[in-house]
PDB file of N, CA and C in Angstrom:
ATOM      1  N   MET A   1    -121.200 -90.826-119.542  1.00  0.00           N
ATOM      2  CA  MET A   1    -121.272 -92.171-118.928  1.00  0.00           C
ATOM      3  C   MET A   1    -120.117 -92.981-119.126  1.00  0.00           C
ATOM      4  N   THR A   2    -119.443 -93.616-117.997  1.00  0.00           N
ATOM      5  CA  THR A   2    -118.357 -94.423-118.351  1.00  0.00           C
ATOM      6  C   THR A   2    -118.637 -95.820-118.695  1.00  0.00           C
ATOM      7  N   VAL A   3    -117.673 -96.494-118.963  1.00  0.00           N
ATOM      8  CA  VAL A   3    -117.977 -98.044-119.460  1.00  0.00           C
ATOM      9  C   VAL A   3    -118.551 -98.818-118.196  1.00  0.00           C
ATOM     10  N   ARG A   4    -118.156 -98.504-117.020  1.00  0.00           N
ATOM     11  CA  ARG A   4    -118.414 -99.311-115.833  1.00  0.00           C
ATOM     12  C   ARG A   4    -119.924 -98.887-115.602  1.00  0.00           C
ATOM     13  N   GLU A   5    -120.286 -97.563-115.736  1.00  0.00           N
ATOM     14  CA  GLU A   5    -121.456 -97.056-115.279  1.00  0.00           C
ATOM     15  C   GLU A   5    -122.604 -97.868-116.456  1.00  0.00           C
ATOM     16  N   ALA A   6    -122.126 -97.603-117.780  1.00  0.00           N
ATOM     17  CA  ALA A   6    -123.083 -98.296-118.671  1.00  0.00           C
ATOM     18  C   ALA A   6    -123.288 -99.718-118.602  1.00  0.00           C
ATOM     19  N   ALA A   7    -122.241-100.544-118.121  1.00  0.00           N
ATOM     20  CA  ALA A   7    -122.407-101.765-117.849  1.00  0.00           C
ATOM     21  C   ALA A   7    -123.464-101.992-116.950  1.00  0.00           C
ATOM     22  N   ALA A   8    -123.305-101.212-115.665  1.00  0.00           N
ATOM     23  CA  ALA A   8    -124.293-101.509-114.669  1.00  0.00           C
ATOM     24  C   ALA A   8    -125.638-101.260-114.953  1.00  0.00           C
ATOM     25  N   ALA A   9    -125.731-100.070-115.854  1.00  0.00           N
ATOM     26  CA  ALA A   9    -127.203 -99.623-116.353  1.00  0.00           C
ATOM     27  C   ALA A   9    -127.649-100.612-117.257  1.00  0.00           C
ATOM     28  N   LEU A  10    -126.921-101.212-117.966  1.00  0.00           N
ATOM     29  CA  LEU A  10    -127.307-102.363-119.107  1.00  0.00           C
ATOM     30  C   LEU A  10    -127.665-103.620-118.314  1.00  0.00           C
ATOM     31  N   GLY A  11    -126.965-103.790-117.040  1.00  0.00           N
ATOM     32  CA  GLY A  11    -127.229-105.192-116.403  1.00  0.00           C
ATOM     33  C   GLY A  11    -126.257-106.246-117.060  1.00  0.00           C
ATOM     34  N   ALA A  12    -125.103-105.651-117.757  1.00  0.00           N
ATOM     35  CA  ALA A  12    -124.133-106.480-118.470  1.00  0.00           C
ATOM     36  C   ALA A  12    -122.940-107.045-117.545  1.00  0.00           C
ATOM     37  N   GLN A  13    -122.535-108.063-117.795  1.00  0.00           N
ATOM     38  CA  GLN A  13    -121.298-108.421-116.944  1.00  0.00           C
ATOM     39  C   GLN A  13    -119.986-108.135-117.741  1.00  0.00           C
ATOM     40  N   ILE A  14    -119.205-107.442-116.750  1.00  0.00           N
ATOM     41  CA  ILE A  14    -117.835-107.210-117.309  1.00  0.00           C
ATOM     42  C   ILE A  14    -116.936-108.343-117.255  1.00  0.00           C
ATOM     43  N   VAL A  15    -116.476-109.113-118.400  1.00  0.00           N
ATOM     44  CA  VAL A  15    -115.741-110.114-118.320  1.00  0.00           C
ATOM     45  C   VAL A  15    -114.295-109.961-118.498  1.00  0.00           C
ATOM     46  N   GLN A  16    -114.001-108.722-119.086  1.00  0.00           N
ATOM     47  CA  GLN A  16    -112.615-108.340-119.256  1.00  0.00           C
ATOM     48  C   GLN A  16    -112.633-107.017-118.577  1.00  0.00           C
ATOM     49  N   GLY A  17    -111.912-106.755-117.554  1.00  0.00           N
ATOM     50  CA  GLY A  17    -112.245-105.588-116.561  1.00  0.00           C
ATOM     51  C   GLY A  17    -110.835-104.854-116.554  1.00  0.00           C
ATOM     52  N   GLU A  18    -109.884-105.240-117.225  1.00  0.00           N
ATOM     53  CA  GLU A  18    -108.678-104.340-117.148  1.00  0.00           C
ATOM     54  C   GLU A  18    -108.620-103.308-118.145  1.00  0.00           C
ATOM     55  N   PHE A  19    -109.158-102.277-117.968  1.00  0.00           N
ATOM     56  CA  PHE A  19    -109.249-101.199-118.929  1.00  0.00           C
ATOM     57  C   PHE A  19    -109.508 -99.837-118.223  1.00  0.00           C
ATOM     58  N   GLU A  20    -109.091 -98.768-118.959  1.00  0.00           N
ATOM     59  CA  GLU A  20    -109.331 -97.448-118.345  1.00  0.00           C
ATOM     60  C   GLU A  20    -110.886 -97.006-118.316  1.00  0.00           C
ATOM     61  N   ASP A  21    -111.512 -96.651-117.340  1.00  0.00           N
ATOM     62  CA  ASP A  21    -112.827 -96.564-117.266  1.00  0.00           C
ATOM     63  C   ASP A  21    -113.218 -94.972-117.753  1.00  0.00           C
ATOM     64  N   THR A  22    -113.217 -94.918-119.050  1.00  0.00           N
ATOM     65  CA  THR A  22    -113.403 -93.520-119.709  1.00  0.00           C
ATOM     66  C   THR A  22    -114.807 -93.206-119.999  1.00  0.00           C
ATOM     67  N   PRO A  23    -115.402 -92.215-120.390  1.00  0.00           N
ATOM     68  CA  PRO A  23    -116.670 -92.078-120.755  1.00  0.00           C
ATOM     69  C   PRO A  23    -116.763 -92.438-122.171  1.00  0.00           C
ATOM     70  N   LEU A  24    -118.013 -93.024-122.597  1.00  0.00           N
ATOM     71  CA  LEU A  24    -118.297 -93.488-123.976  1.00  0.00           C
ATOM     72  C   LEU A  24    -118.734 -92.172-124.668  1.00  0.00           C
ATOM     73  N   SER A  25    -118.175 -92.264-125.974  1.00  0.00           N
ATOM     74  CA  SER A  25    -118.537 -91.233-126.788  1.00  0.00           C
ATOM     75  C   SER A  25    -119.865 -91.596-127.651  1.00  0.00           C
ATOM     76  N   GLY A  26    -120.296 -92.752-127.760  1.00  0.00           N
ATOM     77  CA  GLY A  26    -121.197 -93.301-128.526  1.00  0.00           C
ATOM     78  C   GLY A  26    -121.158 -94.883-128.423  1.00  0.00           C
ATOM     79  N   ALA A  27    -121.878 -95.395-129.721  1.00  0.00           N
ATOM     80  CA  ALA A  27    -121.775 -96.747-129.705  1.00  0.00           C
ATOM     81  C   ALA A  27    -122.172 -97.041-131.178  1.00  0.00           C
ATOM     82  N   TYR A  28    -121.902 -98.088-131.801  1.00  0.00           N
ATOM     83  CA  TYR A  28    -122.069 -98.590-133.209  1.00  0.00           C
ATOM     84  C   TYR A  28    -122.622-100.154-132.999  1.00  0.00           C
ATOM     85  N   THR A  29    -123.417-100.601-133.700  1.00  0.00           N
ATOM     86  CA  THR A  29    -124.030-101.892-133.564  1.00  0.00           C
ATOM     87  C   THR A  29    -123.696-102.717-135.049  1.00  0.00           C
ATOM     88  N   SER A  30    -123.014-103.438-135.082  1.00  0.00           N
ATOM     89  CA  SER A  30    -122.707-104.285-136.324  1.00  0.00           C
ATOM     90  C   SER A  30    -122.186-105.665-136.175  1.00  0.00           C
ATOM     91  N   ASP A  31    -122.305-106.545-137.026  1.00  0.00           N
ATOM     92  CA  ASP A  31    -121.803-107.965-136.752  1.00  0.00           C
ATOM     93  C   ASP A  31    -120.721-108.013-138.149  1.00  0.00           C
ATOM     94  N   LEU A  32    -120.637-106.925-138.749  1.00  0.00           N
ATOM     95  CA  LEU A  32    -119.755-107.116-140.138  1.00  0.00           C
ATOM     96  C   LEU A  32    -118.734-106.154-139.555  1.00  0.00           C
ATOM     97  N   LEU A  33    -117.539-106.820-139.565  1.00  0.00           N
ATOM     98  CA  LEU A  33    -116.436-106.158-138.897  1.00  0.00           C
ATOM     99  C   LEU A  33    -115.842-105.152-139.927  1.00  0.00           C
ATOM    100  N   SER A  34    -115.836-105.133-141.191  1.00  0.00           N
ATOM    101  CA  SER A  34    -115.601-104.376-142.329  1.00  0.00           C
ATOM    102  C   SER A  34    -116.392-102.979-142.143  1.00  0.00           C
ATOM    103  N   ASP A  35    -117.671-103.327-141.822  1.00  0.00           N
ATOM    104  CA  ASP A  35    -118.654-102.043-141.428  1.00  0.00           C
ATOM    105  C   ASP A  35    -118.306-101.452-140.260  1.00  0.00           C
ATOM    106  N   VAL A  36    -117.635-102.131-139.185  1.00  0.00           N
ATOM    107  CA  VAL A  36    -117.111-101.408-137.940  1.00  0.00           C
ATOM    108  C   VAL A  36    -115.992-100.570-138.581  1.00  0.00           C
ATOM    109  N   ILE A  37    -115.110-100.982-139.293  1.00  0.00           N
ATOM    110  CA  ILE A  37    -113.867-100.252-139.466  1.00  0.00           C
ATOM    111  C   ILE A  37    -114.262 -98.803-140.203  1.00  0.00           C
ATOM    112  N   ALA A  38    -115.306 -99.029-141.033  1.00  0.00           N
ATOM    113  CA  ALA A  38    -115.655 -97.985-141.992  1.00  0.00           C
ATOM    114  C   ALA A  38    -116.598 -96.946-141.066  1.00  0.00           C
ATOM    115  N   ASN A  39    -117.110 -97.265-140.068  1.00  0.00           N
ATOM    116  CA  ASN A  39    -118.267 -96.515-139.534  1.00  0.00           C
ATOM    117  C   ASN A  39    -118.164 -96.256-138.089  1.00  0.00           C
ATOM    118  N   ALA A  40    -117.477 -97.212-137.151  1.00  0.00           N
ATOM    119  CA  ALA A  40    -117.401 -96.801-135.759  1.00  0.00           C
ATOM    120  C   ALA A  40    -116.552 -95.669-135.422  1.00  0.00           C
ATOM    121  N   LYS A  41    -117.120 -95.145-134.419  1.00  0.00           N
ATOM    122  CA  LYS A  41    -116.502 -93.862-133.990  1.00  0.00           C
ATOM    123  C   LYS A  41    -115.344 -94.071-132.689  1.00  0.00           C
ATOM    124  N   ASP A  42    -114.315 -93.200-132.768  1.00  0.00           N
ATOM    125  CA  ASP A  42    -113.307 -93.307-131.551  1.00  0.00           C
ATOM    126  C   ASP A  42    -114.101 -93.077-130.320  1.00  0.00           C
ATOM    127  N   GLY A  43    -113.554 -94.008-129.373  1.00  0.00           N
ATOM    128  CA  GLY A  43    -114.026 -93.924-127.997  1.00  0.00           C
ATOM    129  C   GLY A  43    -115.483 -94.435-127.553  1.00  0.00           C
ATOM    130  N   GLY A  44    -115.959 -95.186-128.714  1.00  0.00           N
ATOM    131  CA  GLY A  44    -117.270 -95.819-128.545  1.00  0.00           C
ATOM    132  C   GLY A  44    -117.433 -97.143-128.107  1.00  0.00           C
ATOM    133  N   ALA A  45    -118.636 -97.760-127.884  1.00  0.00           N
ATOM    134  CA  ALA A  45    -118.712 -99.169-127.651  1.00  0.00           C
ATOM    135  C   ALA A  45    -119.145 -99.738-128.886  1.00  0.00           C
ATOM    136  N   LEU A  46    -118.781-101.008-129.153  1.00  0.00           N
ATOM    137  CA  LEU A  46    -119.175-101.857-130.357  1.00  0.00           C
ATOM    138  C   LEU A  46    -120.196-102.778-129.828  1.00  0.00           C
ATOM    139  N   ILE A  47    -121.458-102.914-130.401  1.00  0.00           N
ATOM    140  CA  ILE A  47    -122.406-104.003-129.961  1.00  0.00           C
ATOM    141  C   ILE A  47    -122.464-104.867-131.006  1.00  0.00           C
ATOM    142  N   THR A  48    -122.364-106.174-130.701  1.00  0.00           N
ATOM    143  CA  THR A  48    -122.260-107.270-131.705  1.00  0.00           C
ATOM    144  C   THR A  48    -122.216-108.580-131.107  1.00  0.00           C
ATOM    145  N   ILE A  49    -122.371-109.668-131.788  1.00  0.00           N
ATOM    146  CA  ILE A  49    -122.336-111.016-131.571  1.00  0.00           C
ATOM    147  C   ILE A  49    -121.047-111.662-131.884  1.00  0.00           C
ATOM    148  N   GLN A  50    -120.178-110.905-132.452  1.00  0.00           N
ATOM    149  CA  GLN A  50    -118.980-111.542-133.171  1.00  0.00           C
ATOM    150  C   GLN A  50    -118.051-111.614-131.959  1.00  0.00           C
ATOM    151  N   ALA A  51    -118.156-112.811-131.365  1.00  0.00           N
ATOM    152  CA  ALA A  51    -117.165-113.080-130.184  1.00  0.00           C
ATOM    153  C   ALA A  51    -115.868-113.682-130.504  1.00  0.00           C
ATOM    154  N   HIS A  52    -114.758-113.141-131.055  1.00  0.00           N
ATOM    155  CA  HIS A  52    -113.799-113.595-131.474  1.00  0.00           C
ATOM    156  C   HIS A  52    -112.415-112.703-131.289  1.00  0.00           C
ATOM    157  N   LYS A  53    -111.361-113.019-131.685  1.00  0.00           N
ATOM    158  CA  LYS A  53    -109.931-112.354-131.448  1.00  0.00           C
ATOM    159  C   LYS A  53    -110.150-111.294-132.583  1.00  0.00           C
ATOM    160  N   ASN A  54    -110.689-111.524-133.806  1.00  0.00           N
ATOM    161  CA  ASN A  54    -110.630-110.546-134.675  1.00  0.00           C
ATOM    162  C   ASN A  54    -111.460-109.447-134.298  1.00  0.00           C
ATOM    163  N   THR A  55    -112.475-109.450-133.538  1.00  0.00           N
ATOM    164  CA  THR A  55    -113.252-108.358-132.899  1.00  0.00           C
ATOM    165  C   THR A  55    -112.316-107.438-132.267  1.00  0.00           C
ATOM    166  N   VAL A  56    -111.527-107.812-131.462  1.00  0.00           N
ATOM    167  CA  VAL A  56    -110.658-107.116-130.687  1.00  0.00           C
ATOM    168  C   VAL A  56    -109.707-106.308-131.688  1.00  0.00           C
ATOM    169  N   ALA A  57    -109.223-107.186-132.580  1.00  0.00           N
ATOM    170  CA  ALA A  57    -108.229-106.346-133.507  1.00  0.00           C
ATOM    171  C   ALA A  57    -108.963-105.228-134.275  1.00  0.00           C
ATOM    172  N   VAL A  58    -110.219-105.251-134.716  1.00  0.00           N
ATOM    173  CA  VAL A  58    -110.941-104.294-135.216  1.00  0.00           C
ATOM    174  C   VAL A  58    -111.173-103.255-134.176  1.00  0.00           C
ATOM    175  N   ALA A  59    -111.598-103.538-132.977  1.00  0.00           N
ATOM    176  CA  ALA A  59    -111.759-102.440-132.145  1.00  0.00           C
ATOM    177  C   ALA A  59    -110.620-101.708-131.805  1.00  0.00           C
ATOM    178  N   THR A  60    -109.531-102.350-131.775  1.00  0.00           N
ATOM    179  CA  THR A  60    -108.140-101.623-131.754  1.00  0.00           C
ATOM    180  C   THR A  60    -107.825-100.594-132.725  1.00  0.00           C
ATOM    181  N   LEU A  61    -108.092-101.148-133.825  1.00  0.00           N
ATOM    182  CA  LEU A  61    -107.969-100.130-135.044  1.00  0.00           C
ATOM    183  C   LEU A  61    -108.804 -98.927-135.116  1.00  0.00           C
ATOM    184  N   VAL A  62    -109.879 -99.173-134.786  1.00  0.00           N
ATOM    185  CA  VAL A  62    -110.842 -97.833-134.619  1.00  0.00           C
ATOM    186  C   VAL A  62    -111.105 -97.112-133.288  1.00  0.00           C
ATOM    187  N   ASN A  63    -110.230 -97.634-132.322  1.00  0.00           N
ATOM    188  CA  ASN A  63    -110.120 -97.204-130.956  1.00  0.00           C
ATOM    189  C   ASN A  63    -111.478 -97.243-130.177  1.00  0.00           C
ATOM    190  N   ILE A  64    -112.131 -98.400-130.320  1.00  0.00           N
ATOM    191  CA  ILE A  64    -113.250 -98.813-129.329  1.00  0.00           C
ATOM    192  C   ILE A  64    -112.845 -99.039-128.156  1.00  0.00           C
ATOM    193  N   THR A  65    -113.750 -98.417-127.244  1.00  0.00           N
ATOM    194  CA  THR A  65    -113.433 -98.485-125.796  1.00  0.00           C
ATOM    195  C   THR A  65    -113.886 -99.739-125.164  1.00  0.00           C
ATOM    196  N   ALA A  66    -115.025-100.205-125.615  1.00  0.00           N
ATOM    197  CA  ALA A  66    -115.798-101.380-125.119  1.00  0.00           C
ATOM    198  C   ALA A  66    -116.372-102.190-126.152  1.00  0.00           C
ATOM    199  N   ILE A  67    -116.353-103.409-126.129  1.00  0.00           N
ATOM    200  CA  ILE A  67    -117.228-104.431-126.826  1.00  0.00           C
ATOM    201  C   ILE A  67    -118.294-105.012-126.078  1.00  0.00           C
ATOM    202  N   VAL A  68    -119.432-105.029-126.418  1.00  0.00           N
ATOM    203  CA  VAL A  68    -120.645-105.695-125.772  1.00  0.00           C
ATOM    204  C   VAL A  68    -121.254-106.765-126.849  1.00  0.00           C
ATOM    205  N   ILE A  69    -120.668-107.869-126.017  1.00  0.00           N
ATOM    206  CA  ILE A  69    -121.141-109.141-126.704  1.00  0.00           C
ATOM    207  C   ILE A  69    -122.530-109.683-126.342  1.00  0.00           C
ATOM    208  N   CYS A  70    -123.651-109.666-127.272  1.00  0.00           N
ATOM    209  CA  CYS A  70    -124.970-109.927-126.942  1.00  0.00           C
ATOM    210  C   CYS A  70    -125.203-111.589-127.083  1.00  0.00           C
ATOM    211  N   ASN A  71    -126.553-111.658-126.662  1.00  0.00           N
ATOM    212  CA  ASN A  71    -127.031-113.164-126.807  1.00  0.00           C
ATOM    213  C   ASN A  71    -126.216-114.277-125.921  1.00  0.00           C
ATOM    214  N   SER A  72    -125.508-113.726-125.031  1.00  0.00           N
ATOM    215  CA  SER A  72    -124.683-114.727-124.165  1.00  0.00           C
ATOM    216  C   SER A  72    -123.876-115.679-124.748  1.00  0.00           C
ATOM    217  N   ARG A  73    -123.192-115.244-125.863  1.00  0.00           N
ATOM    218  CA  ARG A  73    -122.304-115.792-126.735  1.00  0.00           C
ATOM    219  C   ARG A  73    -120.978-116.301-126.140  1.00  0.00           C
ATOM    220  N   PRO A  74    -120.574-117.484-126.164  1.00  0.00           N
ATOM    221  CA  PRO A  74    -119.508-117.973-125.510  1.00  0.00           C
ATOM    222  C   PRO A  74    -118.315-117.189-125.782  1.00  0.00           C
ATOM    223  N   LEU A  75    -117.445-116.679-124.884  1.00  0.00           N
ATOM    224  CA  LEU A  75    -116.235-115.864-125.245  1.00  0.00           C
ATOM    225  C   LEU A  75    -114.845-116.657-125.233  1.00  0.00           C
ATOM    226  N   PRO A  76    -114.201-116.911-126.244  1.00  0.00           N
ATOM    227  CA  PRO A  76    -112.946-117.618-126.320  1.00  0.00           C
ATOM    228  C   PRO A  76    -111.808-116.884-125.458  1.00  0.00           C
ATOM    229  N   PRO A  77    -111.085-117.614-124.942  1.00  0.00           N
ATOM    230  CA  PRO A  77    -109.999-117.139-123.999  1.00  0.00           C
ATOM    231  C   PRO A  77    -109.179-116.323-124.766  1.00  0.00           C
ATOM    232  N   ASP A  78    -108.778-116.523-126.003  1.00  0.00           N
ATOM    233  CA  ASP A  78    -107.862-115.820-126.808  1.00  0.00           C
ATOM    234  C   ASP A  78    -108.532-114.258-126.978  1.00  0.00           C
ATOM    235  N   MET A  79    -109.723-114.419-127.053  1.00  0.00           N
ATOM    236  CA  MET A  79    -110.349-112.983-127.403  1.00  0.00           C
ATOM    237  C   MET A  79    -110.133-112.067-126.076  1.00  0.00           C
ATOM    238  N   LEU A  80    -110.427-112.716-124.903  1.00  0.00           N
ATOM    239  CA  LEU A  80    -110.539-112.064-123.551  1.00  0.00           C
ATOM    240  C   LEU A  80    -108.848-111.503-123.363  1.00  0.00           C
ATOM    241  N   GLU A  81    -108.012-112.532-123.729  1.00  0.00           N
ATOM    242  CA  GLU A  81    -106.566-112.122-123.587  1.00  0.00           C
ATOM    243  C   GLU A  81    -106.083-110.805-124.393  1.00  0.00           C
ATOM    244  N   ALA A  82    -106.559-110.938-125.626  1.00  0.00           N
ATOM    245  CA  ALA A  82    -106.508-109.835-126.624  1.00  0.00           C
ATOM    246  C   ALA A  82    -106.891-108.493-126.010  1.00  0.00           C
ATOM    247  N   ALA A  83    -108.263-108.682-125.622  1.00  0.00           N
ATOM    248  CA  ALA A  83    -108.861-107.490-125.011  1.00  0.00           C
ATOM    249  C   ALA A  83    -108.030-106.875-123.952  1.00  0.00           C
ATOM    250  N   ARG A  84    -107.645-107.737-123.146  1.00  0.00           N
ATOM    251  CA  ARG A  84    -106.883-107.378-121.817  1.00  0.00           C
ATOM    252  C   ARG A  84    -105.535-106.756-122.137  1.00  0.00           C
ATOM    253  N   GLU A  85    -104.935-107.227-123.158  1.00  0.00           N
ATOM    254  CA  GLU A  85    -103.579-106.672-123.662  1.00  0.00           C
ATOM    255  C   GLU A  85    -103.638-105.370-124.366  1.00  0.00           C
ATOM    256  N   GLU A  86    -104.859-105.024-125.066  1.00  0.00           N
ATOM    257  CA  GLU A  86    -105.394-103.749-125.572  1.00  0.00           C
ATOM    258  C   GLU A  86    -106.114-102.706-124.815  1.00  0.00           C
ATOM    259  N   GLY A  87    -106.205-103.355-123.635  1.00  0.00           N
ATOM    260  CA  GLY A  87    -107.182-102.519-122.532  1.00  0.00           C
ATOM    261  C   GLY A  87    -108.514-102.049-122.796  1.00  0.00           C
ATOM    262  N   ILE A  88    -109.102-102.996-123.748  1.00  0.00           N
ATOM    263  CA  ILE A  88    -110.611-102.890-124.093  1.00  0.00           C
ATOM    264  C   ILE A  88    -111.505-103.514-123.180  1.00  0.00           C
ATOM    265  N   ALA A  89    -112.512-102.831-122.662  1.00  0.00           N
ATOM    266  CA  ALA A  89    -113.460-103.695-121.892  1.00  0.00           C
ATOM    267  C   ALA A  89    -114.320-104.562-122.748  1.00  0.00           C
ATOM    268  N   VAL A  90    -114.765-105.841-122.057  1.00  0.00           N
ATOM    269  CA  VAL A  90    -115.467-106.706-122.841  1.00  0.00           C
ATOM    270  C   VAL A  90    -116.714-106.993-121.686  1.00  0.00           C
ATOM    271  N   LEU A  91    -117.927-106.792-122.402  1.00  0.00           N
ATOM    272  CA  LEU A  91    -119.138-106.873-121.543  1.00  0.00           C
ATOM    273  C   LEU A  91    -120.005-108.054-122.039  1.00  0.00           C
ATOM    274  N   LEU A  92    -120.679-108.681-121.499  1.00  0.00           N
ATOM    275  CA  LEU A  92    -121.516-109.788-121.963  1.00  0.00           C
ATOM    276  C   LEU A  92    -122.963-109.613-121.327  1.00  0.00           C
ATOM    277  N   THR A  93    -123.934-109.720-122.230  1.00  0.00           N
ATOM    278  CA  THR A  93    -125.309-109.852-121.857  1.00  0.00           C
ATOM    279  C   THR A  93    -126.317-110.743-122.641  1.00  0.00           C
ATOM    280  N   ALA A  94    -127.280-111.242-122.151  1.00  0.00           N
ATOM    281  CA  ALA A  94    -128.028-112.335-122.593  1.00  0.00           C
ATOM    282  C   ALA A  94    -129.169-111.438-123.669  1.00  0.00           C
ATOM    283  N   GLU A  95    -129.132-110.218-123.694  1.00  0.00           N
ATOM    284  CA  GLU A  95    -130.162-109.413-124.329  1.00  0.00           C
ATOM    285  C   GLU A  95    -129.502-109.275-126.013  1.00  0.00           C
ATOM    286  N   ASN A  96    -130.343-109.009-126.869  1.00  0.00           N
ATOM    287  CA  ASN A  96    -130.044-108.895-128.377  1.00  0.00           C
ATOM    288  C   ASN A  96    -129.471-107.596-128.614  1.00  0.00           C
ATOM    289  N   GLN A  97    -128.916-107.569-129.756  1.00  0.00           N
ATOM    290  CA  GLN A  97    -128.248-106.195-130.198  1.00  0.00           C
ATOM    291  C   GLN A  97    -129.247-105.052-130.290  1.00  0.00           C
ATOM    292  N   PHE A  98    -130.476-105.290-130.740  1.00  0.00           N
ATOM    293  CA  PHE A  98    -131.543-104.495-130.885  1.00  0.00           C
ATOM    294  C   PHE A  98    -131.825-103.641-129.529  1.00  0.00           C
ATOM    295  N   THR A  99    -132.202-104.502-128.687  1.00  0.00           N
ATOM    296  CA  THR A  99    -132.305-104.313-127.317  1.00  0.00           C
ATOM    297  C   THR A  99    -131.126-103.384-126.538  1.00  0.00           C
ATOM    298  N   VAL A 100    -130.046-103.975-126.591  1.00  0.00           N
ATOM    299  CA  VAL A 100    -129.004-103.074-126.059  1.00  0.00           C
ATOM    300  C   VAL A 100    -128.477-101.841-126.795  1.00  0.00           C
ATOM    301  N   SER A 101    -128.729-101.741-128.095  1.00  0.00           N
ATOM    302  CA  SER A 101    -128.496-100.585-128.737  1.00  0.00           C
ATOM    303  C   SER A 101    -129.519 -99.474-128.299  1.00  0.00           C
ATOM    304  N   GLY A 102    -130.881 -99.804-128.161  1.00  0.00           N
ATOM    305  CA  GLY A 102    -131.767 -98.911-127.715  1.00  0.00           C
ATOM    306  C   GLY A 102    -131.442 -98.476-126.474  1.00  0.00           C
ATOM    307  N   LYS A 103    -131.203 -99.372-125.310  1.00  0.00           N
ATOM    308  CA  LYS A 103    -130.868 -99.021-124.067  1.00  0.00           C
ATOM    309  C   LYS A 103    -129.892 -98.210-123.942  1.00  0.00           C
ATOM    310  N   LEU A 104    -128.711 -98.469-124.615  1.00  0.00           N
ATOM    311  CA  LEU A 104    -127.468 -97.649-124.526  1.00  0.00           C
ATOM    312  C   LEU A 104    -127.668 -96.249-125.307  1.00  0.00           C
ATOM    313  N   TYR A 105    -128.395 -96.205-126.200  1.00  0.00           N
ATOM    314  CA  TYR A 105    -128.554 -95.005-127.098  1.00  0.00           C
ATOM    315  C   TYR A 105    -129.466 -93.840-125.911  1.00  0.00           C
ATOM    316  N   ASN A 106    -130.323 -94.630-125.214  1.00  0.00           N
ATOM    317  CA  ASN A 106    -131.210 -93.821-124.434  1.00  0.00           C
ATOM    318  C   ASN A 106    -130.316 -93.280-123.048  1.00  0.00           C
ATOM    319  N   LEU A 107    -129.412 -94.223-122.741  1.00  0.00           N
ATOM    320  CA  LEU A 107    -128.513 -93.866-121.575  1.00  0.00           C
ATOM    321  C   LEU A 107    -127.512 -92.836-122.111  1.00  0.00           C
ATOM    322  N   LEU A 108    -126.994 -92.835-123.194  1.00  0.00           N
ATOM    323  CA  LEU A 108    -126.103 -91.813-123.673  1.00  0.00           C
ATOM    324  C   LEU A 108    -126.657 -90.608-123.889  1.00  0.00           C
ATOM    325  N   ARG A 109    -127.960 -90.542-124.341  1.00  0.00           N
ATOM    326  CA  ARG A 109    -128.753 -89.302-124.462  1.00  0.00           C
ATOM    327  C   ARG A 109    -129.179 -88.804-123.127  1.00  0.00           C
ATOM    328  N   GLY A 110    -129.186 -89.537-122.079  1.00  0.00           N
ATOM    329  CA  GLY A 110    -129.635 -88.942-120.842  1.00  0.00           C
ATOM    330  C   GLY A 110    -130.975 -89.042-120.669  1.00  0.00           C
ATOM    331  N   ASP A 111    -131.717 -89.992-121.341  1.00  0.00           N
ATOM    332  CA  ASP A 111    -133.107 -90.287-121.147  1.00  0.00           C
ATOM    333  C   ASP A 111    -133.278 -91.137-119.916  1.00  0.00           C
TER     334      ASP A 111
END
């Protein structure tokens, strides 16, 4: 499932759409960026409420394909600009991390 397919299936808005639409290899949910560095996998999505430029820096470090911001958190322009420069998709949803994680888990498993 590609990033755009996942966004559509989740009902999430793509707010930074300048990225290569590659298949997602999985996902990781965390709001602690050091935890993301230690545990997120290459080519996956990061599910979080951390809507700031440092989230993009961490995503770049571990080769995250997409960042899913939950709870309709406001997105600062510098975050979106950094994500555009790095080619990382940024999705926005009103749902919480638990719900998004469960939905994406099932989508990636093919349920």
